[in-house]
Amino acid sequence: DRNAHVYVVGADPSSGEANDYCALQVIDITTQEQVAELRIKALPRMFAKMVDFIGRLYNNAHVVCERTGIGQAVCQDLDRVLM
C-alpha cells in the first residue's frame, strides 16, 4: 500500500538541449528502495510540472532538487508556481 510509505523525489534538472537529460528518482524511505525513475529531455518549466506530479503521486513526497544553474528555475517554479 503506497499510502503507508514515505517517499522522497530527487530531481536533477537540465536545459533539455543536446545530450543533456533531466532525471529524477523516487526513493521509498520506508524500505530504502528506489521505486521509480525518469530520464527525459524537457524544458525546465515542464520538468518542474513532472516533479510536482510525481511527488504528489507518491504520497506528497519530499522533493530534493539540484538548484545550481538551470535548476534554480525549476526550484522557483516548484516553490512559487506549483507550491
Protein backbone atom coordinates (compact mmCIF):
# COMPACT_ATOMS: atom_id res chain seq x y z
CA ASP A 1 0.00 0.00 0.00
CA ARG A 2 1.68 3.19 -1.23
CA ASN A 3 -0.08 5.35 1.39
CA ALA A 4 1.71 3.56 4.23
CA HIS A 5 5.14 4.62 2.93
CA VAL A 6 7.20 7.81 2.97
CA TYR A 7 8.90 8.85 -0.27
CA VAL A 8 11.47 11.37 -1.44
CA VAL A 9 11.98 12.59 -5.01
CA GLY A 10 15.50 13.51 -6.10
CA ALA A 11 15.44 15.77 -9.16
CA ASP A 12 18.30 16.77 -11.46
CA PRO A 13 17.14 19.42 -13.96
CA SER A 14 18.86 20.26 -17.23
CA SER A 15 18.38 22.59 -20.15
CA GLY A 16 16.89 19.77 -22.23
CA GLU A 17 19.20 20.57 -25.13
CA ALA A 18 21.69 18.35 -26.99
CA ASN A 19 22.59 15.30 -24.88
CA ASP A 20 21.53 16.90 -21.61
CA TYR A 21 18.70 14.99 -19.90
CA CYS A 22 16.60 15.81 -16.86
CA ALA A 23 16.40 12.97 -14.38
CA LEU A 24 14.56 12.09 -11.21
CA GLN A 25 14.22 9.12 -8.96
CA VAL A 26 11.78 8.22 -6.23
CA ILE A 27 13.10 6.54 -3.11
CA ASP A 28 10.84 4.75 -0.63
CA ILE A 29 12.26 5.86 2.70
CA THR A 30 10.33 3.10 4.49
CA THR A 31 12.03 0.26 2.57
CA GLN A 32 15.09 2.23 1.37
CA GLU A 33 14.43 1.13 -2.23
CA GLN A 34 14.24 3.04 -5.49
CA VAL A 35 10.67 2.69 -6.75
CA ALA A 36 10.68 4.91 -9.86
CA GLU A 37 12.98 6.85 -12.17
CA LEU A 38 12.61 9.18 -15.10
CA ARG A 39 15.14 10.36 -17.68
CA ILE A 40 13.75 12.79 -20.21
CA LYS A 41 14.55 15.82 -22.32
CA ALA A 42 12.29 18.58 -21.09
CA LEU A 43 12.34 22.33 -20.66
CA PRO A 44 12.70 23.47 -17.03
CA ARG A 45 9.06 24.52 -16.61
CA MET A 46 7.77 21.19 -17.94
CA PHE A 47 10.22 19.24 -15.78
CA ALA A 48 9.01 21.17 -12.71
CA LYS A 49 5.46 20.08 -13.53
CA MET A 50 6.62 16.46 -13.83
CA VAL A 51 8.42 16.61 -10.49
CA ASP A 52 5.32 18.11 -8.88
CA PHE A 53 3.01 15.47 -10.37
CA ILE A 54 5.23 12.55 -9.40
CA GLY A 55 5.76 13.95 -5.92
CA ARG A 56 2.01 14.18 -5.38
CA LEU A 57 1.52 10.71 -6.85
CA TYR A 58 3.95 9.27 -4.31
CA ASN A 59 2.13 10.34 -1.16
CA ASN A 60 3.15 14.01 -1.34
CA ALA A 61 6.83 13.08 -1.33
CA HIS A 62 9.53 15.41 -0.14
CA VAL A 63 11.43 16.88 -3.09
CA VAL A 64 15.17 17.42 -3.22
CA CYS A 65 16.07 19.37 -6.34
CA GLU A 66 19.52 20.32 -7.59
CA ARG A 67 19.36 24.11 -7.78
CA THR A 68 22.51 25.36 -9.46
CA GLY A 69 22.28 26.77 -12.95
CA ILE A 70 19.04 25.83 -14.68
CA GLY A 71 17.92 24.04 -11.51
CA GLN A 72 17.20 27.41 -9.90
CA ALA A 73 14.33 27.99 -12.35
CA VAL A 74 12.88 24.55 -11.58
CA CYS A 75 13.09 25.19 -7.83
CA GLN A 76 11.40 28.56 -8.23
CA ASP A 77 8.56 27.02 -10.25
CA LEU A 78 8.12 24.29 -7.65
CA ASP A 79 8.09 26.84 -4.84
CA ARG A 80 6.18 29.77 -6.29
CA VAL A 81 4.01 28.39 -9.09
CA LEU A 82 3.21 24.80 -8.15
CA MET A 83 3.57 25.18 -4.37
